[in-house]
Protein backbone atom coordinates (compact mmCIF):
# COMPACT_ATOMS: atom_id res chain seq x y z
CA UNK A 1 0.00 0.00 0.00
CA UNK A 2 1.28 3.42 -0.87
CA UNK A 3 -1.31 5.82 0.42
CA UNK A 4 -4.86 6.95 -0.12
CA UNK A 5 -4.51 10.73 0.28
CA UNK A 6 -7.21 10.41 2.95
CA UNK A 7 -6.89 10.73 6.71
CA UNK A 8 -8.13 8.01 9.05
CA UNK A 9 -7.35 7.63 12.71
CA UNK A 10 -6.53 4.46 14.57
CA UNK A 11 -9.88 4.90 16.28
CA UNK A 12 -11.58 4.93 12.85
CA UNK A 13 -9.86 1.63 12.06
CA UNK A 14 -10.88 0.03 15.38
CA UNK A 15 -14.49 1.28 15.18
CA UNK A 16 -14.98 -0.03 11.65
CA UNK A 17 -13.18 -3.34 12.31
CA UNK A 18 -15.39 -4.10 15.31
CA UNK A 19 -18.45 -2.97 13.35
CA UNK A 20 -17.65 -5.74 10.85
CA UNK A 21 -18.24 -8.35 13.55
CA UNK A 22 -21.27 -6.62 15.04
CA UNK A 23 -19.54 -5.04 18.04
CA UNK A 24 -19.96 -1.35 18.87
CA UNK A 25 -17.15 0.35 20.76
CA UNK A 26 -17.57 3.18 23.27
CA UNK A 27 -14.36 5.15 23.84
CA UNK A 28 -13.67 6.22 27.41
CA UNK A 29 -10.87 8.17 29.06
CA UNK A 30 -8.18 10.29 27.47
CA UNK A 31 -4.56 9.93 26.43
CA UNK A 32 -2.81 6.93 27.97
CA UNK A 33 -5.94 6.02 29.93
CA UNK A 34 -8.20 5.83 26.87
CA UNK A 35 -9.78 2.49 26.06
CA UNK A 36 -12.47 1.09 23.80
CA UNK A 37 -15.24 -0.64 25.76
CA UNK A 38 -17.68 -3.04 24.12
CA UNK A 39 -20.96 -1.11 24.15
CA UNK A 40 -23.37 -2.29 26.84
CA UNK A 41 -20.63 -4.04 28.84
CA UNK A 42 -17.58 -3.16 30.90
CA UNK A 43 -15.31 -5.28 28.69
CA UNK A 44 -12.28 -3.41 27.35
CA UNK A 45 -11.60 -4.47 23.75
CA UNK A 46 -8.92 -1.95 22.93
CA UNK A 47 -6.61 0.27 24.92
CA UNK A 48 -4.05 2.96 24.25
CA UNK A 49 -0.37 2.18 24.71
CA UNK A 50 1.66 5.37 25.31
CA UNK A 51 4.79 3.90 23.73
CA UNK A 52 2.97 3.91 20.38
CA UNK A 53 2.14 7.63 20.55
CA UNK A 54 3.53 9.69 17.68
CA UNK A 55 6.58 11.81 18.31
CA UNK A 56 5.93 15.36 19.38
CA UNK A 57 5.64 17.68 16.43
CA UNK A 58 3.92 15.08 14.22
CA UNK A 59 0.24 15.87 14.57
CA UNK A 60 -1.04 15.13 11.11
CA UNK A 61 0.08 12.50 8.59
CA UNK A 62 -1.36 11.97 5.14
CA UNK A 63 0.13 10.06 2.24
CA UNK A 64 0.37 11.97 -1.04
CA UNK A 65 -0.01 9.65 -4.02
CA UNK A 66 0.46 12.29 -6.72
CA UNK A 67 4.02 11.20 -7.64
CA UNK A 68 3.00 7.56 -7.98
CA UNK A 69 0.00 8.59 -10.08
CA UNK A 70 2.07 10.85 -12.33
CA UNK A 71 5.20 8.69 -12.62
CA UNK A 72 3.72 5.17 -12.69
CA UNK A 73 0.10 5.82 -13.60
CA UNK A 74 -0.80 4.16 -10.30
CA UNK A 75 -4.28 4.67 -8.89
CA UNK A 76 -5.74 3.90 -5.48
CA UNK A 77 -8.06 0.91 -5.92
CA UNK A 78 -8.81 -0.19 -2.38
CA UNK A 79 -10.59 2.27 -0.15
CA UNK A 80 -10.19 2.35 3.62
CA UNK A 81 -13.43 0.56 4.51
CA UNK A 82 -12.78 -2.22 1.99
CA UNK A 83 -9.23 -2.65 3.32
CA UNK A 84 -10.40 -2.90 6.94
CA UNK A 85 -13.20 -5.31 5.99
CA UNK A 86 -10.63 -7.49 4.20
CA UNK A 87 -8.33 -7.56 7.23
CA UNK A 88 -11.22 -8.56 9.50
CA UNK A 89 -12.45 -11.23 7.06
CA UNK A 90 -8.94 -12.72 6.84
CA UNK A 91 -8.63 -12.78 10.63
CA UNK A 92 -12.06 -14.40 11.01
CA UNK A 93 -11.15 -17.04 8.40
CA UNK A 94 -7.87 -17.78 10.24
CA UNK A 95 -9.75 -18.14 13.53
CA UNK A 96 -12.26 -20.51 11.91
CA UNK A 97 -9.36 -22.66 10.66
CA UNK A 98 -7.75 -22.68 14.10
CA UNK A 99 -4.68 -20.80 12.88
CA UNK A 100 -2.61 -18.91 15.44
CA UNK A 101 -3.43 -15.25 15.86
CA UNK A 102 -1.01 -12.47 15.04
CA UNK A 103 0.16 -10.89 18.23
CA UNK A 104 2.03 -7.71 18.86
CA UNK A 105 4.22 -7.48 21.90
CA UNK A 106 2.92 -5.09 24.55
PDB file of N, CA and C in Angstrom:
ATOM      1  N   UNK A   1       0.842  -1.170   0.000  1.00  0.00           N
ATOM      2  CA  UNK A   1       0.000   0.000   0.000  1.00  0.00           C
ATOM      3  C   UNK A   1       0.886   1.231   0.000  1.00  0.00           C
ATOM      4  N   UNK A   2       0.551   2.146  -0.834  1.00  0.00           N
ATOM      5  CA  UNK A   2       1.276   3.417  -0.868  1.00  0.00           C
ATOM      6  C   UNK A   2       0.605   4.417   0.051  1.00  0.00           C
ATOM      7  N   UNK A   3      -0.561   4.824  -0.342  1.00  0.00           N
ATOM      8  CA  UNK A   3      -1.311   5.822   0.416  1.00  0.00           C
ATOM      9  C   UNK A   3      -2.668   5.974  -0.234  1.00  0.00           C
ATOM     10  N   UNK A   4      -3.526   6.710   0.435  1.00  0.00           N
ATOM     11  CA  UNK A   4      -4.857   6.952  -0.122  1.00  0.00           C
ATOM     12  C   UNK A   4      -5.153   8.433  -0.280  1.00  0.00           C
ATOM     13  N   UNK A   5      -4.280   9.281   0.239  1.00  0.00           N
ATOM     14  CA  UNK A   5      -4.515  10.727   0.276  1.00  0.00           C
ATOM     15  C   UNK A   5      -5.734  11.080   1.123  1.00  0.00           C
ATOM     16  N   UNK A   6      -6.102  10.191   2.014  1.00  0.00           N
ATOM     17  CA  UNK A   6      -7.209  10.412   2.947  1.00  0.00           C
ATOM     18  C   UNK A   6      -6.672  10.221   4.359  1.00  0.00           C
ATOM     19  N   UNK A   7      -7.310  10.849   5.321  1.00  0.00           N
ATOM     20  CA  UNK A   7      -6.893  10.734   6.713  1.00  0.00           C
ATOM     21  C   UNK A   7      -7.879   9.855   7.478  1.00  0.00           C
ATOM     22  N   UNK A   8      -7.336   8.854   8.164  1.00  0.00           N
ATOM     23  CA  UNK A   8      -8.134   8.009   9.050  1.00  0.00           C
ATOM     24  C   UNK A   8      -7.329   7.799  10.323  1.00  0.00           C
ATOM     25  N   UNK A   9      -8.015   7.833  11.434  1.00  0.00           N
ATOM     26  CA  UNK A   9      -7.347   7.628  12.711  1.00  0.00           C
ATOM     27  C   UNK A   9      -7.347   6.145  13.065  1.00  0.00           C
ATOM     28  N   UNK A  10      -6.526   5.809  14.051  1.00  0.00           N
ATOM     29  CA  UNK A  10      -6.528   4.456  14.565  1.00  0.00           C
ATOM     30  C   UNK A  10      -7.915   4.121  15.115  1.00  0.00           C
ATOM     31  N   UNK A  11      -8.522   5.100  15.751  1.00  0.00           N
ATOM     32  CA  UNK A  11      -9.875   4.903  16.280  1.00  0.00           C
ATOM     33  C   UNK A  11     -10.856   4.579  15.158  1.00  0.00           C
ATOM     34  N   UNK A  12     -10.735   5.251  14.008  1.00  0.00           N
ATOM     35  CA  UNK A  12     -11.579   4.928  12.850  1.00  0.00           C
ATOM     36  C   UNK A  12     -11.414   3.459  12.464  1.00  0.00           C
ATOM     37  N   UNK A  13     -10.157   3.014  12.430  1.00  0.00           N
ATOM     38  CA  UNK A  13      -9.865   1.629  12.064  1.00  0.00           C
ATOM     39  C   UNK A  13     -10.529   0.665  13.054  1.00  0.00           C
ATOM     40  N   UNK A  14     -10.329   0.904  14.341  1.00  0.00           N
ATOM     41  CA  UNK A  14     -10.884   0.033  15.383  1.00  0.00           C
ATOM     42  C   UNK A  14     -12.407   0.018  15.310  1.00  0.00           C
ATOM     43  N   UNK A  15     -13.024   1.197  15.226  1.00  0.00           N
ATOM     44  CA  UNK A  15     -14.486   1.276  15.175  1.00  0.00           C
ATOM     45  C   UNK A  15     -15.040   0.477  14.005  1.00  0.00           C
ATOM     46  N   UNK A  16     -14.463   0.650  12.827  1.00  0.00           N
ATOM     47  CA  UNK A  16     -14.982  -0.035  11.647  1.00  0.00           C
ATOM     48  C   UNK A  16     -14.682  -1.530  11.705  1.00  0.00           C
ATOM     49  N   UNK A  17     -13.518  -1.921  12.203  1.00  0.00           N
ATOM     50  CA  UNK A  17     -13.178  -3.340  12.313  1.00  0.00           C
ATOM     51  C   UNK A  17     -14.166  -4.055  13.233  1.00  0.00           C
ATOM     52  N   UNK A  18     -14.446  -3.476  14.396  1.00  0.00           N
ATOM     53  CA  UNK A  18     -15.393  -4.104  15.308  1.00  0.00           C
ATOM     54  C   UNK A  18     -16.804  -4.081  14.735  1.00  0.00           C
ATOM     55  N   UNK A  19     -17.136  -3.038  13.992  1.00  0.00           N
ATOM     56  CA  UNK A  19     -18.452  -2.970  13.349  1.00  0.00           C
ATOM     57  C   UNK A  19     -18.644  -4.171  12.411  1.00  0.00           C
ATOM     58  N   UNK A  20     -17.574  -4.614  11.771  1.00  0.00           N
ATOM     59  CA  UNK A  20     -17.646  -5.742  10.846  1.00  0.00           C
ATOM     60  C   UNK A  20     -18.077  -7.039  11.525  1.00  0.00           C
ATOM     61  N   UNK A  21     -17.836  -7.149  12.827  1.00  0.00           N
ATOM     62  CA  UNK A  21     -18.243  -8.354  13.548  1.00  0.00           C
ATOM     63  C   UNK A  21     -19.405  -8.073  14.500  1.00  0.00           C
ATOM     64  N   UNK A  22     -20.069  -6.941  14.285  1.00  0.00           N
ATOM     65  CA  UNK A  22     -21.271  -6.624  15.040  1.00  0.00           C
ATOM     66  C   UNK A  22     -21.039  -6.136  16.461  1.00  0.00           C
ATOM     67  N   UNK A  23     -19.866  -5.556  16.711  1.00  0.00           N
ATOM     68  CA  UNK A  23     -19.544  -5.044  18.044  1.00  0.00           C
ATOM     69  C   UNK A  23     -19.356  -3.534  17.963  1.00  0.00           C
ATOM     70  N   UNK A  24     -20.108  -2.810  18.795  1.00  0.00           N
ATOM     71  CA  UNK A  24     -19.957  -1.348  18.868  1.00  0.00           C
ATOM     72  C   UNK A  24     -18.996  -1.022  20.011  1.00  0.00           C
ATOM     73  N   UNK A  25     -18.153  -0.049  19.780  1.00  0.00           N
ATOM     74  CA  UNK A  25     -17.146   0.354  20.761  1.00  0.00           C
ATOM     75  C   UNK A  25     -17.476   1.742  21.291  1.00  0.00           C
ATOM     76  N   UNK A  26     -17.387   1.899  22.601  1.00  0.00           N
ATOM     77  CA  UNK A  26     -17.573   3.179  23.266  1.00  0.00           C
ATOM     78  C   UNK A  26     -16.211   3.586  23.833  1.00  0.00           C
ATOM     79  N   UNK A  27     -15.676   4.700  23.389  1.00  0.00           N
ATOM     80  CA  UNK A  27     -14.356   5.150  23.844  1.00  0.00           C
ATOM     81  C   UNK A  27     -14.497   5.921  25.142  1.00  0.00           C
ATOM     82  N   UNK A  28     -13.654   5.577  26.110  1.00  0.00           N
ATOM     83  CA  UNK A  28     -13.674   6.224  27.413  1.00  0.00           C
ATOM     84  C   UNK A  28     -12.264   6.630  27.814  1.00  0.00           C
ATOM     85  N   UNK A  29     -12.163   7.691  28.594  1.00  0.00           N
ATOM     86  CA  UNK A  29     -10.866   8.169  29.065  1.00  0.00           C
ATOM     87  C   UNK A  29     -10.179   9.023  28.019  1.00  0.00           C
ATOM     88  N   UNK A  30      -8.964   9.452  28.373  1.00  0.00           N
ATOM     89  CA  UNK A  30      -8.175  10.288  27.467  1.00  0.00           C
ATOM     90  C   UNK A  30      -6.718   9.887  27.535  1.00  0.00           C
ATOM     91  N   UNK A  31      -5.991  10.181  26.466  1.00  0.00           N
ATOM     92  CA  UNK A  31      -4.556   9.931  26.431  1.00  0.00           C
ATOM     93  C   UNK A  31      -4.219   8.489  26.769  1.00  0.00           C
ATOM     94  N   UNK A  32      -3.246   8.294  27.660  1.00  0.00           N
ATOM     95  CA  UNK A  32      -2.807   6.930  27.969  1.00  0.00           C
ATOM     96  C   UNK A  32      -3.845   6.103  28.726  1.00  0.00           C
ATOM     97  N   UNK A  33      -4.901   6.750  29.203  1.00  0.00           N
ATOM     98  CA  UNK A  33      -5.943   6.019  29.928  1.00  0.00           C
ATOM     99  C   UNK A  33      -7.170   5.743  29.050  1.00  0.00           C
ATOM    100  N   UNK A  34      -7.072   6.043  27.775  1.00  0.00           N
ATOM    101  CA  UNK A  34      -8.201   5.828  26.872  1.00  0.00           C
ATOM    102  C   UNK A  34      -8.319   4.349  26.516  1.00  0.00           C
ATOM    103  N   UNK A  35      -9.560   3.866  26.482  1.00  0.00           N
ATOM    104  CA  UNK A  35      -9.778   2.491  26.055  1.00  0.00           C
ATOM    105  C   UNK A  35     -11.137   2.377  25.374  1.00  0.00           C
ATOM    106  N   UNK A  36     -11.239   1.376  24.516  1.00  0.00           N
ATOM    107  CA  UNK A  36     -12.473   1.086  23.802  1.00  0.00           C
ATOM    108  C   UNK A  36     -13.227  -0.016  24.523  1.00  0.00           C
ATOM    109  N   UNK A  37     -14.408   0.300  25.007  1.00  0.00           N
ATOM    110  CA  UNK A  37     -15.235  -0.644  25.762  1.00  0.00           C
ATOM    111  C   UNK A  37     -16.348  -1.153  24.854  1.00  0.00           C
ATOM    112  N   UNK A  38     -16.569  -2.469  24.875  1.00  0.00           N
ATOM    113  CA  UNK A  38     -17.680  -3.037  24.116  1.00  0.00           C
ATOM    114  C   UNK A  38     -18.969  -2.433  24.645  1.00  0.00           C
ATOM    115  N   UNK A  39     -19.740  -1.811  23.758  1.00  0.00           N
ATOM    116  CA  UNK A  39     -20.958  -1.111  24.147  1.00  0.00           C
ATOM    117  C   UNK A  39     -21.900  -2.041  24.909  1.00  0.00           C
ATOM    118  N   UNK A  40     -22.437  -1.535  26.032  1.00  0.00           N
ATOM    119  CA  UNK A  40     -23.367  -2.292  26.840  1.00  0.00           C
ATOM    120  C   UNK A  40     -22.699  -3.227  27.839  1.00  0.00           C
ATOM    121  N   UNK A  41     -21.360  -3.195  27.895  1.00  0.00           N
ATOM    122  CA  UNK A  41     -20.626  -4.039  28.843  1.00  0.00           C
ATOM    123  C   UNK A  41     -19.556  -3.195  29.523  1.00  0.00           C
ATOM    124  N   UNK A  42     -18.752  -3.833  30.333  1.00  0.00           N
ATOM    125  CA  UNK A  42     -17.580  -3.159  30.901  1.00  0.00           C
ATOM    126  C   UNK A  42     -16.303  -3.813  30.369  1.00  0.00           C
ATOM    127  N   UNK A  43     -16.435  -4.540  29.261  1.00  0.00           N
ATOM    128  CA  UNK A  43     -15.315  -5.284  28.691  1.00  0.00           C
ATOM    129  C   UNK A  43     -14.471  -4.383  27.791  1.00  0.00           C
ATOM    130  N   UNK A  44     -13.206  -4.195  28.167  1.00  0.00           N
ATOM    131  CA  UNK A  44     -12.280  -3.406  27.349  1.00  0.00           C
ATOM    132  C   UNK A  44     -11.824  -4.258  26.172  1.00  0.00           C
ATOM    133  N   UNK A  45     -12.018  -3.769  24.962  1.00  0.00           N
ATOM    134  CA  UNK A  45     -11.605  -4.471  23.755  1.00  0.00           C
ATOM    135  C   UNK A  45     -10.364  -3.869  23.130  1.00  0.00           C
ATOM    136  N   UNK A  46     -10.071  -2.652  23.487  1.00  0.00           N
ATOM    137  CA  UNK A  46      -8.915  -1.954  22.928  1.00  0.00           C
ATOM    138  C   UNK A  46      -8.454  -0.935  23.938  1.00  0.00           C
ATOM    139  N   UNK A  47      -7.129  -0.754  24.029  1.00  0.00           N
ATOM    140  CA  UNK A  47      -6.613   0.272  24.921  1.00  0.00           C
ATOM    141  C   UNK A  47      -5.435   0.978  24.267  1.00  0.00           C
ATOM    142  N   UNK A  48      -5.136   2.138  24.782  1.00  0.00           N
ATOM    143  CA  UNK A  48      -4.054   2.964  24.255  1.00  0.00           C
ATOM    144  C   UNK A  48      -2.750   2.589  24.950  1.00  0.00           C
ATOM    145  N   UNK A  49      -1.704   2.448  24.166  1.00  0.00           N
ATOM    146  CA  UNK A  49      -0.372   2.183  24.713  1.00  0.00           C
ATOM    147  C   UNK A  49       0.496   3.413  24.451  1.00  0.00           C
ATOM    148  N   UNK A  50       0.891   4.133  25.486  1.00  0.00           N
ATOM    149  CA  UNK A  50       1.656   5.373  25.311  1.00  0.00           C
ATOM    150  C   UNK A  50       2.916   5.205  24.468  1.00  0.00           C
ATOM    151  N   UNK A  51       3.550   4.051  24.505  1.00  0.00           N
ATOM    152  CA  UNK A  51       4.792   3.898  23.730  1.00  0.00           C
ATOM    153  C   UNK A  51       4.546   3.942  22.222  1.00  0.00           C
ATOM    154  N   UNK A  52       3.280   3.827  21.810  1.00  0.00           N
ATOM    155  CA  UNK A  52       2.970   3.914  20.385  1.00  0.00           C
ATOM    156  C   UNK A  52       2.492   5.298  19.968  1.00  0.00           C
ATOM    157  N   UNK A  53       2.510   6.258  20.895  1.00  0.00           N
ATOM    158  CA  UNK A  53       2.137   7.627  20.545  1.00  0.00           C
ATOM    159  C   UNK A  53       3.127   8.160  19.512  1.00  0.00           C
ATOM    160  N   UNK A  54       2.647   9.037  18.651  1.00  0.00           N
ATOM    161  CA  UNK A  54       3.532   9.685  17.680  1.00  0.00           C
ATOM    162  C   UNK A  54       4.467  10.642  18.403  1.00  0.00           C
ATOM    163  N   UNK A  55       5.612  10.851  17.777  1.00  0.00           N
ATOM    164  CA  UNK A  55       6.577  11.810  18.312  1.00  0.00           C
ATOM    165  C   UNK A  55       5.958  13.196  18.362  1.00  0.00           C
ATOM    166  N   UNK A  56       6.415  13.981  19.300  1.00  0.00           N
ATOM    167  CA  UNK A  56       5.931  15.358  19.384  1.00  0.00           C
ATOM    168  C   UNK A  56       6.288  16.086  18.091  1.00  0.00           C
ATOM    169  N   UNK A  57       5.399  16.930  17.651  1.00  0.00           N
ATOM    170  CA  UNK A  57       5.637  17.680  16.425  1.00  0.00           C
ATOM    171  C   UNK A  57       5.072  16.999  15.184  1.00  0.00           C
ATOM    172  N   UNK A  58       4.535  15.780  15.339  1.00  0.00           N
ATOM    173  CA  UNK A  58       3.919  15.077  14.217  1.00  0.00           C
ATOM    174  C   UNK A  58       2.446  14.900  14.559  1.00  0.00           C
ATOM    175  N   UNK A  59       1.656  15.907  14.217  1.00  0.00           N
ATOM    176  CA  UNK A  59       0.243  15.875  14.572  1.00  0.00           C
ATOM    177  C   UNK A  59      -0.644  15.342  13.461  1.00  0.00           C
ATOM    178  N   UNK A  60      -0.169  15.398  12.235  1.00  0.00           N
ATOM    179  CA  UNK A  60      -1.042  15.126  11.106  1.00  0.00           C
ATOM    180  C   UNK A  60      -0.231  14.443  10.013  1.00  0.00           C
ATOM    181  N   UNK A  61      -0.612  13.224   9.661  1.00  0.00           N
ATOM    182  CA  UNK A  61       0.077  12.500   8.594  1.00  0.00           C
ATOM    183  C   UNK A  61      -0.916  12.129   7.505  1.00  0.00           C
ATOM    184  N   UNK A  62      -0.528  12.361   6.281  1.00  0.00           N
ATOM    185  CA  UNK A  62      -1.358  11.968   5.145  1.00  0.00           C
ATOM    186  C   UNK A  62      -0.433  11.624   3.981  1.00  0.00           C
ATOM    187  N   UNK A  63      -0.678  10.475   3.380  1.00  0.00           N
ATOM    188  CA  UNK A  63       0.132  10.062   2.241  1.00  0.00           C
ATOM    189  C   UNK A  63      -0.303  10.793   0.982  1.00  0.00           C
ATOM    190  N   UNK A  64       0.645  11.261   0.211  1.00  0.00           N
ATOM    191  CA  UNK A  64       0.368  11.971  -1.036  1.00  0.00           C
ATOM    192  C   UNK A  64       0.736  11.049  -2.194  1.00  0.00           C
ATOM    193  N   UNK A  65      -0.252  10.619  -2.954  1.00  0.00           N
ATOM    194  CA  UNK A  65      -0.011   9.649  -4.024  1.00  0.00           C
ATOM    195  C   UNK A  65       0.229  10.304  -5.385  1.00  0.00           C
ATOM    196  N   UNK A  66       0.334  11.610  -5.424  1.00  0.00           N
ATOM    197  CA  UNK A  66       0.462  12.287  -6.719  1.00  0.00           C
ATOM    198  C   UNK A  66       1.660  11.827  -7.526  1.00  0.00           C
ATOM    199  N   UNK A  67       2.835  11.638  -6.892  1.00  0.00           N
ATOM    200  CA  UNK A  67       4.020  11.204  -7.638  1.00  0.00           C
ATOM    201  C   UNK A  67       3.823   9.825  -8.238  1.00  0.00           C
ATOM    202  N   UNK A  68       3.244   8.919  -7.471  1.00  0.00           N
ATOM    203  CA  UNK A  68       2.997   7.563  -7.984  1.00  0.00           C
ATOM    204  C   UNK A  68       1.985   7.609  -9.125  1.00  0.00           C
ATOM    205  N   UNK A  69       0.993   8.460  -9.005  1.00  0.00           N
ATOM    206  CA  UNK A  69       0.005   8.590 -10.083  1.00  0.00           C
ATOM    207  C   UNK A  69       0.647   9.149 -11.345  1.00  0.00           C
ATOM    208  N   UNK A  70       1.445  10.196 -11.177  1.00  0.00           N
ATOM    209  CA  UNK A  70       2.068  10.846 -12.326  1.00  0.00           C
ATOM    210  C   UNK A  70       3.174   9.991 -12.956  1.00  0.00           C
ATOM    211  N   UNK A  71       4.040   9.404 -12.128  1.00  0.00           N
ATOM    212  CA  UNK A  71       5.202   8.692 -12.621  1.00  0.00           C
ATOM    213  C   UNK A  71       4.863   7.286 -13.115  1.00  0.00           C
ATOM    214  N   UNK A  72       4.031   6.567 -12.361  1.00  0.00           N
ATOM    215  CA  UNK A  72       3.723   5.174 -12.689  1.00  0.00           C
ATOM    216  C   UNK A  72       2.325   4.971 -13.272  1.00  0.00           C
ATOM    217  N   UNK A  73       1.488   5.988 -13.182  1.00  0.00           N
ATOM    218  CA  UNK A  73       0.103   5.822 -13.603  1.00  0.00           C
ATOM    219  C   UNK A  73      -0.701   5.021 -12.579  1.00  0.00           C
ATOM    220  N   UNK A  74      -0.172   4.931 -11.365  1.00  0.00           N
ATOM    221  CA  UNK A  74      -0.797   4.156 -10.299  1.00  0.00           C
ATOM    222  C   UNK A  74      -2.034   4.870  -9.781  1.00  0.00           C
ATOM    223  N   UNK A  75      -3.055   4.112  -9.461  1.00  0.00           N
ATOM    224  CA  UNK A  75      -4.284   4.672  -8.892  1.00  0.00           C
ATOM    225  C   UNK A  75      -4.676   3.878  -7.649  1.00  0.00           C
ATOM    226  N   UNK A  76      -5.219   4.566  -6.667  1.00  0.00           N
ATOM    227  CA  UNK A  76      -5.736   3.900  -5.477  1.00  0.00           C
ATOM    228  C   UNK A  76      -6.951   3.080  -5.886  1.00  0.00           C
ATOM    229  N   UNK A  77      -6.924   1.778  -5.569  1.00  0.00           N
ATOM    230  CA  UNK A  77      -8.059   0.910  -5.917  1.00  0.00           C
ATOM    231  C   UNK A  77      -8.836   0.464  -4.688  1.00  0.00           C
ATOM    232  N   UNK A  78      -8.150   0.331  -3.571  1.00  0.00           N
ATOM    233  CA  UNK A  78      -8.808  -0.190  -2.377  1.00  0.00           C
ATOM    234  C   UNK A  78      -9.009   0.942  -1.378  1.00  0.00           C
ATOM    235  N   UNK A  79     -10.241   1.220  -1.099  1.00  0.00           N
ATOM    236  CA  UNK A  79     -10.586   2.273  -0.150  1.00  0.00           C
ATOM    237  C   UNK A  79     -10.468   1.756   1.278  1.00  0.00           C
ATOM    238  N   UNK A  80     -10.403   2.668   2.215  1.00  0.00           N
ATOM    239  CA  UNK A  80     -10.189   2.353   3.620  1.00  0.00           C
ATOM    240  C   UNK A  80     -11.152   1.286   4.142  1.00  0.00           C
ATOM    241  N   UNK A  81     -12.446   1.491   3.957  1.00  0.00           N
ATOM    242  CA  UNK A  81     -13.430   0.560   4.510  1.00  0.00           C
ATOM    243  C   UNK A  81     -13.288  -0.839   3.913  1.00  0.00           C
ATOM    244  N   UNK A  82     -12.977  -0.914   2.633  1.00  0.00           N
ATOM    245  CA  UNK A  82     -12.785  -2.219   1.995  1.00  0.00           C
ATOM    246  C   UNK A  82     -11.516  -2.890   2.533  1.00  0.00           C
ATOM    247  N   UNK A  83     -10.471  -2.114   2.769  1.00  0.00           N
ATOM    248  CA  UNK A  83      -9.231  -2.647   3.320  1.00  0.00           C
ATOM    249  C   UNK A  83      -9.463  -3.211   4.721  1.00  0.00           C
ATOM    250  N   UNK A  84     -10.134  -2.452   5.580  1.00  0.00           N
ATOM    251  CA  UNK A  84     -10.397  -2.904   6.943  1.00  0.00           C
ATOM    252  C   UNK A  84     -11.282  -4.151   6.912  1.00  0.00           C
ATOM    253  N   UNK A  85     -12.315  -4.145   6.088  1.00  0.00           N
ATOM    254  CA  UNK A  85     -13.203  -5.309   5.991  1.00  0.00           C
ATOM    255  C   UNK A  85     -12.419  -6.549   5.550  1.00  0.00           C
ATOM    256  N   UNK A  86     -11.461  -6.371   4.647  1.00  0.00           N
ATOM    257  CA  UNK A  86     -10.628  -7.491   4.197  1.00  0.00           C
ATOM    258  C   UNK A  86      -9.736  -8.036   5.295  1.00  0.00           C
ATOM    259  N   UNK A  87      -9.170  -7.150   6.103  1.00  0.00           N
ATOM    260  CA  UNK A  87      -8.328  -7.563   7.226  1.00  0.00           C
ATOM    261  C   UNK A  87      -9.161  -8.368   8.228  1.00  0.00           C
ATOM    262  N   UNK A  88     -10.351  -7.870   8.548  1.00  0.00           N
ATOM    263  CA  UNK A  88     -11.225  -8.561   9.503  1.00  0.00           C
ATOM    264  C   UNK A  88     -11.655  -9.912   8.940  1.00  0.00           C
ATOM    265  N   UNK A  89     -12.030  -9.962   7.672  1.00  0.00           N
ATOM    266  CA  UNK A  89     -12.449 -11.227   7.055  1.00  0.00           C
ATOM    267  C   UNK A  89     -11.318 -12.251   7.082  1.00  0.00           C
ATOM    268  N   UNK A  90     -10.092 -11.808   6.805  1.00  0.00           N
ATOM    269  CA  UNK A  90      -8.943 -12.718   6.839  1.00  0.00           C
ATOM    270  C   UNK A  90      -8.692 -13.231   8.249  1.00  0.00           C
ATOM    271  N   UNK A  91      -8.810 -12.355   9.232  1.00  0.00           N
ATOM    272  CA  UNK A  91      -8.628 -12.776  10.628  1.00  0.00           C
ATOM    273  C   UNK A  91      -9.717 -13.768  11.039  1.00  0.00           C
ATOM    274  N   UNK A  92     -10.955 -13.498  10.659  1.00  0.00           N
ATOM    275  CA  UNK A  92     -12.057 -14.402  11.008  1.00  0.00           C
ATOM    276  C   UNK A  92     -11.869 -15.766  10.349  1.00  0.00           C
ATOM    277  N   UNK A  93     -11.407 -15.781   9.101  1.00  0.00           N
ATOM    278  CA  UNK A  93     -11.148 -17.044   8.397  1.00  0.00           C
ATOM    279  C   UNK A  93     -10.029 -17.820   9.088  1.00  0.00           C
ATOM    280  N   UNK A  94      -8.982 -17.121   9.534  1.00  0.00           N
ATOM    281  CA  UNK A  94      -7.875 -17.775  10.236  1.00  0.00           C
ATOM    282  C   UNK A  94      -8.352 -18.363  11.557  1.00  0.00           C
ATOM    283  N   UNK A  95      -9.203 -17.645  12.266  1.00  0.00           N
ATOM    284  CA  UNK A  95      -9.745 -18.142  13.530  1.00  0.00           C
ATOM    285  C   UNK A  95     -10.576 -19.395  13.281  1.00  0.00           C
ATOM    286  N   UNK A  96     -11.408 -19.363  12.234  1.00  0.00           N
ATOM    287  CA  UNK A  96     -12.256 -20.509  11.913  1.00  0.00           C
ATOM    288  C   UNK A  96     -11.429 -21.751  11.574  1.00  0.00           C
ATOM    289  N   UNK A  97     -10.240 -21.542  11.008  1.00  0.00           N
ATOM    290  CA  UNK A  97      -9.361 -22.663  10.657  1.00  0.00           C
ATOM    291  C   UNK A  97      -8.461 -23.072  11.818  1.00  0.00           C
ATOM    292  N   UNK A  98      -8.569 -22.362  12.942  1.00  0.00           N
ATOM    293  CA  UNK A  98      -7.751 -22.684  14.102  1.00  0.00           C
ATOM    294  C   UNK A  98      -6.300 -22.237  13.973  1.00  0.00           C
ATOM    295  N   UNK A  99      -6.059 -21.297  13.073  1.00  0.00           N
ATOM    296  CA  UNK A  99      -4.685 -20.798  12.877  1.00  0.00           C
ATOM    297  C   UNK A  99      -4.325 -19.835  13.998  1.00  0.00           C
ATOM    298  N   UNK A 100      -3.037 -19.819  14.376  1.00  0.00           N
ATOM    299  CA  UNK A 100      -2.615 -18.905  15.441  1.00  0.00           C
ATOM    300  C   UNK A 100      -2.859 -17.456  15.068  1.00  0.00           C
ATOM    301  N   UNK A 101      -3.179 -16.669  16.067  1.00  0.00           N
ATOM    302  CA  UNK A 101      -3.433 -15.249  15.865  1.00  0.00           C
ATOM    303  C   UNK A 101      -2.138 -14.459  15.825  1.00  0.00           C
ATOM    304  N   UNK A 102      -2.146 -13.406  15.018  1.00  0.00           N
ATOM    305  CA  UNK A 102      -1.013 -12.474  15.043  1.00  0.00           C
ATOM    306  C   UNK A 102      -1.041 -11.789  16.381  1.00  0.00           C
ATOM    307  N   UNK A 103       0.107 -11.575  16.940  1.00  0.00           N
ATOM    308  CA  UNK A 103       0.158 -10.890  18.232  1.00  0.00           C
ATOM    309  C   UNK A 103       1.283  -9.883  18.202  1.00  0.00           C
ATOM    310  N   UNK A 104       0.986  -8.718  18.713  1.00  0.00           N
ATOM    311  CA  UNK A 104       2.025  -7.711  18.864  1.00  0.00           C
ATOM    312  C   UNK A 104       2.482  -7.744  20.302  1.00  0.00           C
ATOM    313  N   UNK A 105       3.730  -7.488  20.518  1.00  0.00           N
ATOM    314  CA  UNK A 105       4.220  -7.479  21.901  1.00  0.00           C
ATOM    315  C   UNK A 105       3.783  -6.186  22.569  1.00  0.00           C
ATOM    316  N   UNK A 106       3.373  -6.272  23.820  1.00  0.00           N
ATOM    317  CA  UNK A 106       2.919  -5.085  24.550  1.00  0.00           C
ATOM    318  C   UNK A 106       4.099  -4.440  25.211  1.00  0.00           C
TER     319      UNK A 106
END
